[in-house]
Amino acid sequence: MGWLAGVRDQILGAPRIRLNLALQGGGSHGAFTWGVLDRLL
């Protein structure tokens, strides 16, 4: 993704949203939570 996503957003005029998250738990719990968030977002 990286810089290419930024170029795509500029071309399409899509607003860019920054999001910071703090995930609770560690190991497999954090990986599961990240997978869910990745699918939702």
PDB file of N, CA and C in Angstrom:
ATOM      1  N   MET A   1       0.840  -1.172   0.000  1.00  0.00           N
ATOM      2  CA  MET A   1       0.000   0.000   0.000  1.00  0.00           C
ATOM      3  C   MET A   1       0.889   1.240   0.000  1.00  0.00           C
ATOM      4  N   GLY A   2       1.190   1.805   1.133  1.00  0.00           N
ATOM      5  CA  GLY A   2       2.154   2.891   1.247  1.00  0.00           C
ATOM      6  C   GLY A   2       1.851   4.097   0.385  1.00  0.00           C
ATOM      7  N   TRP A   3       2.888   4.550  -0.335  1.00  0.00           N
ATOM      8  CA  TRP A   3       2.775   5.785  -1.118  1.00  0.00           C
ATOM      9  C   TRP A   3       1.785   5.639  -2.259  1.00  0.00           C
ATOM     10  N   LEU A   4       1.610   4.433  -2.788  1.00  0.00           N
ATOM     11  CA  LEU A   4       0.696   4.224  -3.906  1.00  0.00           C
ATOM     12  C   LEU A   4      -0.747   4.518  -3.507  1.00  0.00           C
ATOM     13  N   ALA A   5      -1.115   4.167  -2.288  1.00  0.00           N
ATOM     14  CA  ALA A   5      -2.465   4.462  -1.804  1.00  0.00           C
ATOM     15  C   ALA A   5      -2.678   5.974  -1.718  1.00  0.00           C
ATOM     16  N   GLY A   6      -1.636   6.704  -1.301  1.00  0.00           N
ATOM     17  CA  GLY A   6      -1.743   8.156  -1.236  1.00  0.00           C
ATOM     18  C   GLY A   6      -1.946   8.773  -2.600  1.00  0.00           C
ATOM     19  N   VAL A   7      -1.248   8.267  -3.594  1.00  0.00           N
ATOM     20  CA  VAL A   7      -1.399   8.759  -4.967  1.00  0.00           C
ATOM     21  C   VAL A   7      -2.803   8.455  -5.470  1.00  0.00           C
ATOM     22  N   ARG A   8      -3.278   7.242  -5.219  1.00  0.00           N
ATOM     23  CA  ARG A   8      -4.628   6.855  -5.643  1.00  0.00           C
ATOM     24  C   ARG A   8      -5.678   7.769  -5.007  1.00  0.00           C
ATOM     25  N   ASP A   9      -5.524   8.054  -3.707  1.00  0.00           N
ATOM     26  CA  ASP A   9      -6.482   8.921  -3.017  1.00  0.00           C
ATOM     27  C   ASP A   9      -6.469  10.323  -3.590  1.00  0.00           C
ATOM     28  N   GLN A  10      -5.290  10.835  -3.956  1.00  0.00           N
ATOM     29  CA  GLN A  10      -5.205  12.168  -4.537  1.00  0.00           C
ATOM     30  C   GLN A  10      -5.876  12.211  -5.900  1.00  0.00           C
ATOM     31  N   ILE A  11      -5.693  11.171  -6.680  1.00  0.00           N
ATOM     32  CA  ILE A  11      -6.299  11.133  -8.014  1.00  0.00           C
ATOM     33  C   ILE A  11      -7.809  11.037  -7.918  1.00  0.00           C
ATOM     34  N   LEU A  12      -8.306  10.190  -7.019  1.00  0.00           N
ATOM     35  CA  LEU A  12      -9.745   9.976  -6.877  1.00  0.00           C
ATOM     36  C   LEU A  12     -10.415  11.036  -6.013  1.00  0.00           C
ATOM     37  N   GLY A  13      -9.633  11.845  -5.327  1.00  0.00           N
ATOM     38  CA  GLY A  13     -10.195  12.892  -4.482  1.00  0.00           C
ATOM     39  C   GLY A  13     -10.758  12.366  -3.177  1.00  0.00           C
ATOM     40  N   ALA A  14     -10.365  11.154  -2.791  1.00  0.00           N
ATOM     41  CA  ALA A  14     -10.863  10.573  -1.544  1.00  0.00           C
ATOM     42  C   ALA A  14     -10.142  11.200  -0.354  1.00  0.00           C
ATOM     43  N   PRO A  15     -10.878  11.501   0.712  1.00  0.00           N
ATOM     44  CA  PRO A  15     -10.228  12.054   1.893  1.00  0.00           C
ATOM     45  C   PRO A  15      -9.366  10.993   2.570  1.00  0.00           C
ATOM     46  N   ARG A  16      -8.251  11.407   3.121  1.00  0.00           N
ATOM     47  CA  ARG A  16      -7.361  10.475   3.801  1.00  0.00           C
ATOM     48  C   ARG A  16      -7.561  10.602   5.299  1.00  0.00           C
ATOM     49  N   ILE A  17      -7.806   9.498   5.946  1.00  0.00           N
ATOM     50  CA  ILE A  17      -8.077   9.489   7.379  1.00  0.00           C
ATOM     51  C   ILE A  17      -6.969   8.723   8.085  1.00  0.00           C
ATOM     52  N   ARG A  18      -6.376   9.357   9.093  1.00  0.00           N
ATOM     53  CA  ARG A  18      -5.371   8.675   9.911  1.00  0.00           C
ATOM     54  C   ARG A  18      -6.066   8.106  11.134  1.00  0.00           C
ATOM     55  N   LEU A  19      -5.694   6.899  11.484  1.00  0.00           N
ATOM     56  CA  LEU A  19      -6.326   6.220  12.605  1.00  0.00           C
ATOM     57  C   LEU A  19      -5.249   5.546  13.436  1.00  0.00           C
ATOM     58  N   ASN A  20      -5.217   5.841  14.727  1.00  0.00           N
ATOM     59  CA  ASN A  20      -4.288   5.191  15.652  1.00  0.00           C
ATOM     60  C   ASN A  20      -5.086   4.321  16.600  1.00  0.00           C
ATOM     61  N   LEU A  21      -4.618   3.089  16.784  1.00  0.00           N
ATOM     62  CA  LEU A  21      -5.308   2.154  17.666  1.00  0.00           C
ATOM     63  C   LEU A  21      -4.340   1.578  18.684  1.00  0.00           C
ATOM     64  N   ALA A  22      -4.854   1.305  19.869  1.00  0.00           N
ATOM     65  CA  ALA A  22      -4.100   0.574  20.883  1.00  0.00           C
ATOM     66  C   ALA A  22      -4.871  -0.711  21.141  1.00  0.00           C
ATOM     67  N   LEU A  23      -4.281  -1.828  20.777  1.00  0.00           N
ATOM     68  CA  LEU A  23      -4.944  -3.118  20.920  1.00  0.00           C
ATOM     69  C   LEU A  23      -4.578  -3.754  22.253  1.00  0.00           C
ATOM     70  N   GLN A  24      -5.586  -4.306  22.913  1.00  0.00           N
ATOM     71  CA  GLN A  24      -5.368  -4.955  24.195  1.00  0.00           C
ATOM     72  C   GLN A  24      -5.016  -6.416  23.961  1.00  0.00           C
ATOM     73  N   GLY A  25      -4.198  -6.942  24.827  1.00  0.00           N
ATOM     74  CA  GLY A  25      -3.818  -8.348  24.730  1.00  0.00           C
ATOM     75  C   GLY A  25      -2.550  -8.504  23.928  1.00  0.00           C
ATOM     76  N   GLY A  26      -2.116  -9.715  23.803  1.00  0.00           N
ATOM     77  CA  GLY A  26      -0.894  -9.967  23.057  1.00  0.00           C
ATOM     78  C   GLY A  26      -1.004 -11.286  22.322  1.00  0.00           C
ATOM     79  N   GLY A  27      -0.010 -11.573  21.541  1.00  0.00           N
ATOM     80  CA  GLY A  27       0.041 -12.846  20.835  1.00  0.00           C
ATOM     81  C   GLY A  27      -1.131 -13.068  19.914  1.00  0.00           C
ATOM     82  N   SER A  28      -1.773 -14.210  20.064  1.00  0.00           N
ATOM     83  CA  SER A  28      -2.858 -14.581  19.152  1.00  0.00           C
ATOM     84  C   SER A  28      -4.085 -13.682  19.324  1.00  0.00           C
ATOM     85  N   HIS A  29      -4.311 -13.173  20.537  1.00  0.00           N
ATOM     86  CA  HIS A  29      -5.459 -12.278  20.754  1.00  0.00           C
ATOM     87  C   HIS A  29      -5.299 -10.993  19.950  1.00  0.00           C
ATOM     88  N   GLY A  30      -4.116 -10.414  19.974  1.00  0.00           N
ATOM     89  CA  GLY A  30      -3.849  -9.203  19.199  1.00  0.00           C
ATOM     90  C   GLY A  30      -3.924  -9.464  17.706  1.00  0.00           C
ATOM     91  N   ALA A  31      -3.437 -10.622  17.274  1.00  0.00           N
ATOM     92  CA  ALA A  31      -3.480 -10.970  15.852  1.00  0.00           C
ATOM     93  C   ALA A  31      -4.924 -11.146  15.385  1.00  0.00           C
ATOM     94  N   PHE A  32      -5.756 -11.767  16.214  1.00  0.00           N
ATOM     95  CA  PHE A  32      -7.167 -11.937  15.872  1.00  0.00           C
ATOM     96  C   PHE A  32      -7.858 -10.584  15.761  1.00  0.00           C
ATOM     97  N   THR A  33      -7.611  -9.715  16.748  1.00  0.00           N
ATOM     98  CA  THR A  33      -8.226  -8.381  16.742  1.00  0.00           C
ATOM     99  C   THR A  33      -7.796  -7.611  15.503  1.00  0.00           C
ATOM    100  N   TRP A  34      -6.512  -7.677  15.156  1.00  0.00           N
ATOM    101  CA  TRP A  34      -6.019  -6.968  13.979  1.00  0.00           C
ATOM    102  C   TRP A  34      -6.682  -7.511  12.717  1.00  0.00           C
ATOM    103  N   GLY A  35      -6.861  -8.826  12.637  1.00  0.00           N
ATOM    104  CA  GLY A  35      -7.517  -9.430  11.475  1.00  0.00           C
ATOM    105  C   GLY A  35      -8.954  -8.955  11.325  1.00  0.00           C
ATOM    106  N   VAL A  36      -9.662  -8.851  12.430  1.00  0.00           N
ATOM    107  CA  VAL A  36     -11.047  -8.365  12.401  1.00  0.00           C
ATOM    108  C   VAL A  36     -11.080  -6.908  11.940  1.00  0.00           C
ATOM    109  N   LEU A  37     -10.215  -6.080  12.507  1.00  0.00           N
ATOM    110  CA  LEU A  37     -10.187  -4.672  12.129  1.00  0.00           C
ATOM    111  C   LEU A  37      -9.782  -4.490  10.672  1.00  0.00           C
ATOM    112  N   ASP A  38      -8.845  -5.308  10.215  1.00  0.00           N
ATOM    113  CA  ASP A  38      -8.425  -5.231   8.815  1.00  0.00           C
ATOM    114  C   ASP A  38      -9.589  -5.534   7.884  1.00  0.00           C
ATOM    115  N   ARG A  39     -10.390  -6.507   8.240  1.00  0.00           N
ATOM    116  CA  ARG A  39     -11.538  -6.889   7.402  1.00  0.00           C
ATOM    117  C   ARG A  39     -12.620  -5.796   7.442  1.00  0.00           C
ATOM    118  N   LEU A  40     -12.837  -5.203   8.616  1.00  0.00           N
ATOM    119  CA  LEU A  40     -13.871  -4.170   8.747  1.00  0.00           C
ATOM    120  C   LEU A  40     -13.490  -2.875   8.027  1.00  0.00           C
ATOM    121  N   LEU A  41     -12.215  -2.500   8.138  1.00  0.00           N
ATOM    122  CA  LEU A  41     -11.799  -1.219   7.577  1.00  0.00           C
ATOM    123  C   LEU A  41     -11.393  -1.390   6.142  1.00  0.00           C
TER     124      LEU A  41
END
